[in-house]
Amino acid sequence: MNYKRFIYYQGTIGMASSMIFPFYILLIRNVGDSYAQFGWAYGLFALTAALCFPLIGKYADRVGDKTLLFIYSWGMAILLLFFPLASEVWHVYILQVLMGVLGAVQKNSEKTVLARYVTKEIAGTQIGNYHVWTSAAAAIAVIATGYLVDFLTIASIFYIASLVFAWSGLQLWKLETAKA
């Protein structure tokens, strides 16, 4: 994987993530009955990620960035299939804990790939360009998903995002097998 392909991959998963996150509160609203429950769900996600970072960091150098990103893509693709099935708040809490683990895998891997692939002398420029493209992809996804939710159900965006994550995993797998 090179820097440009990494940006493409991150843009793709950024789109998938952005498809669900802003509209996630609608799902909680359908399952739970308060914004406090949303706070707990997101808090569990963030706390789980925080607790997982040291362990994931230890394995990142041994396992490899591509492997961890592959696990993230396919893990999210599978996990998102369960969100529309959540009928109780505790279901969402369990899903959020699992997403916290995967989120830590993604964030740690993102940083290690950037550290490994940017040119030290122009790291600021390269990371700035990275954020332009990944942020633009996320913004487009949020806007487009707003229209999708108007025409489809809230559950459908989780399925569509799952497909995008699966596609990103396939693209990553092709990069790995092309080098072999």
Protein backbone atom coordinates (compact mmCIF):
# COMPACT_ATOMS: atom_id res chain seq x y z
CA MET A 1 0.00 0.00 0.00
CA ASN A 2 1.29 3.42 -0.84
CA TYR A 3 0.25 6.84 0.41
CA LYS A 4 -2.31 7.49 -2.38
CA ARG A 5 -3.94 4.09 -1.99
CA PHE A 6 -4.09 4.62 1.73
CA ILE A 7 -5.90 7.93 1.21
CA TYR A 8 -8.35 6.16 -1.10
CA TYR A 9 -8.94 3.43 1.48
CA GLN A 10 -9.38 5.90 4.33
CA GLY A 11 -11.73 8.01 2.20
CA THR A 12 -13.85 4.94 1.58
CA ILE A 13 -14.09 3.93 5.22
CA GLY A 14 -14.59 7.58 6.17
CA MET A 15 -17.60 7.65 3.86
CA ALA A 16 -19.00 4.47 5.38
CA SER A 17 -18.51 5.76 8.92
CA SER A 18 -20.02 9.13 8.08
CA MET A 19 -23.05 7.45 6.61
CA ILE A 20 -24.03 6.03 9.97
CA PHE A 21 -22.69 8.26 12.70
CA PRO A 22 -24.78 11.43 12.29
CA PHE A 23 -27.92 9.35 11.85
CA TYR A 24 -27.06 6.92 14.61
CA ILE A 25 -28.96 9.01 17.14
CA LEU A 26 -32.15 8.27 15.20
CA LEU A 27 -31.63 4.57 15.83
CA ILE A 28 -31.06 5.18 19.55
CA ARG A 29 -34.21 7.28 19.61
CA ASN A 30 -36.15 4.36 18.13
CA VAL A 31 -34.66 1.89 20.63
CA GLY A 32 -34.18 4.00 23.75
CA ASP A 33 -35.96 6.89 25.29
CA SER A 34 -33.35 9.49 26.21
CA TYR A 35 -30.29 11.34 25.04
CA ALA A 36 -28.55 10.07 28.17
CA GLN A 37 -28.67 6.63 26.58
CA PHE A 38 -26.93 8.06 23.53
CA GLY A 39 -24.33 9.50 25.89
CA TRP A 40 -23.80 6.10 27.47
CA ALA A 41 -23.58 4.39 24.09
CA TYR A 42 -20.98 6.80 22.78
CA GLY A 43 -19.16 6.84 26.11
CA LEU A 44 -18.89 3.05 26.07
CA PHE A 45 -17.48 3.27 22.55
CA ALA A 46 -14.87 5.85 23.54
CA LEU A 47 -13.90 4.15 26.81
CA THR A 48 -13.53 0.75 25.15
CA ALA A 49 -11.34 2.28 22.46
CA ALA A 50 -9.19 4.01 25.09
CA LEU A 51 -8.67 0.75 26.98
CA CYS A 52 -7.80 -1.14 23.77
CA PHE A 53 -5.22 1.29 22.35
CA PRO A 54 -2.22 -0.04 24.33
CA LEU A 55 -2.91 -3.65 23.34
CA ILE A 56 -3.54 -2.79 19.71
CA GLY A 57 -0.42 -0.65 19.63
CA LYS A 58 1.66 -3.62 20.80
CA TYR A 59 0.29 -5.82 18.04
CA ALA A 60 0.44 -3.23 15.27
CA ASP A 61 4.14 -3.70 14.62
CA ARG A 62 3.92 -7.49 14.77
CA VAL A 63 0.70 -8.05 12.82
CA GLY A 64 0.99 -5.21 10.32
CA ASP A 65 -1.13 -2.23 9.39
CA LYS A 66 -2.86 -3.85 6.43
CA THR A 67 -3.95 -6.83 8.48
CA LEU A 68 -5.41 -4.59 11.18
CA LEU A 69 -7.17 -2.40 8.62
CA PHE A 70 -8.55 -5.52 6.96
CA ILE A 71 -9.89 -6.70 10.33
CA TYR A 72 -11.42 -3.26 10.86
CA SER A 73 -13.15 -3.16 7.46
CA TRP A 74 -14.65 -6.62 7.69
CA GLY A 75 -15.40 -6.29 11.39
CA MET A 76 -17.39 -3.13 10.74
CA ALA A 77 -19.09 -4.66 7.71
CA ILE A 78 -20.36 -7.53 9.86
CA LEU A 79 -21.13 -5.46 12.96
CA LEU A 80 -23.27 -2.93 11.08
CA LEU A 81 -25.60 -5.71 9.99
CA PHE A 82 -26.65 -6.10 13.62
CA PHE A 83 -27.54 -2.47 14.34
CA PRO A 84 -30.94 -2.53 12.60
CA LEU A 85 -31.77 -5.66 14.61
CA ALA A 86 -31.12 -3.94 17.95
CA SER A 87 -34.41 -3.71 19.77
CA GLU A 88 -33.17 -2.87 23.27
CA VAL A 89 -30.71 -0.26 24.45
CA TRP A 90 -28.42 -2.90 25.92
CA HIS A 91 -28.09 -4.39 22.41
CA VAL A 92 -26.77 -1.03 21.24
CA TYR A 93 -24.40 -0.87 24.21
CA ILE A 94 -22.88 -4.24 23.29
CA LEU A 95 -22.52 -3.15 19.66
CA GLN A 96 -20.87 0.08 20.82
CA VAL A 97 -18.31 -1.81 22.89
CA LEU A 98 -17.44 -3.93 19.84
CA MET A 99 -17.26 -0.79 17.71
CA GLY A 100 -14.93 0.71 20.32
CA VAL A 101 -12.49 -2.15 19.82
CA LEU A 102 -12.69 -1.78 16.04
CA GLY A 103 -12.45 2.00 16.27
CA ALA A 104 -9.22 1.66 18.25
CA VAL A 105 -7.86 -0.69 15.58
CA GLN A 106 -8.68 1.86 12.87
CA LYS A 107 -7.37 4.94 14.68
CA ASN A 108 -4.13 3.28 15.70
CA SER A 109 -3.58 1.83 12.23
CA GLU A 110 -4.34 5.16 10.58
CA LYS A 111 -1.65 6.87 12.63
CA THR A 112 0.93 4.14 12.11
CA VAL A 113 0.41 4.10 8.35
CA LEU A 114 0.77 7.87 8.21
CA ALA A 115 3.91 7.66 10.33
CA ARG A 116 5.38 5.00 8.04
CA TYR A 117 4.47 6.49 4.66
CA VAL A 118 4.74 10.25 4.84
CA THR A 119 7.99 11.91 3.89
CA LYS A 120 9.46 13.48 7.00
CA GLU A 121 10.42 16.75 5.29
CA ILE A 122 6.91 17.33 3.89
CA ALA A 123 4.86 15.44 6.48
CA GLY A 124 2.67 18.46 7.24
CA THR A 125 1.75 18.93 3.59
CA GLN A 126 1.05 15.24 3.06
CA ILE A 127 -1.05 14.91 6.20
CA GLY A 128 -2.92 18.11 5.27
CA ASN A 129 -3.71 16.64 1.84
CA TYR A 130 -4.73 13.39 3.51
CA HIS A 131 -7.25 15.24 5.68
CA VAL A 132 -8.62 17.23 2.71
CA TRP A 133 -9.52 14.08 0.81
CA THR A 134 -10.76 12.02 3.73
CA SER A 135 -12.81 14.92 5.12
CA ALA A 136 -14.32 15.70 1.71
CA ALA A 137 -15.33 12.04 1.31
CA ALA A 138 -16.94 12.09 4.76
CA ALA A 139 -18.82 15.32 4.01
CA ILE A 140 -20.17 13.97 0.73
CA ALA A 141 -21.31 10.80 2.50
CA VAL A 142 -23.16 12.70 5.23
CA ILE A 143 -24.99 14.89 2.72
CA ALA A 144 -25.88 11.99 0.43
CA THR A 145 -27.03 9.87 3.36
CA GLY A 146 -29.41 12.62 4.44
CA TYR A 147 -31.20 12.18 1.13
CA LEU A 148 -31.05 8.38 1.38
CA VAL A 149 -32.71 8.44 4.80
CA ASP A 150 -35.52 10.55 3.34
CA PHE A 151 -36.23 7.85 0.73
CA LEU A 152 -35.22 4.69 2.56
CA THR A 153 -35.40 3.49 6.14
CA ILE A 154 -32.85 4.30 8.83
CA ALA A 155 -31.92 0.60 8.88
CA SER A 156 -31.02 0.67 5.19
CA ILE A 157 -28.12 3.05 5.74
CA PHE A 158 -26.50 0.55 8.08
CA TYR A 159 -26.75 -2.09 5.36
CA ILE A 160 -25.37 0.25 2.71
CA ALA A 161 -22.51 1.30 5.00
CA SER A 162 -21.82 -2.38 5.66
CA LEU A 163 -21.44 -2.94 1.93
CA VAL A 164 -19.05 0.01 1.66
CA PHE A 165 -16.93 -1.39 4.51
CA ALA A 166 -16.91 -4.83 2.86
CA TRP A 167 -15.88 -3.23 -0.43
CA SER A 168 -13.04 -1.39 1.31
CA GLY A 169 -11.88 -4.69 2.78
CA LEU A 170 -11.89 -6.27 -0.68
CA GLN A 171 -9.87 -3.37 -2.07
CA LEU A 172 -7.37 -3.74 0.76
CA TRP A 173 -7.17 -7.50 0.20
CA LYS A 174 -6.45 -6.92 -3.51
CA LEU A 175 -3.57 -4.65 -2.57
CA GLU A 176 -2.10 -7.34 -0.34
CA THR A 177 -2.49 -10.16 -2.85
CA ALA A 178 -1.17 -8.03 -5.71
CA LYS A 179 2.15 -7.70 -3.87
CA ALA A 180 2.45 -11.42 -3.13
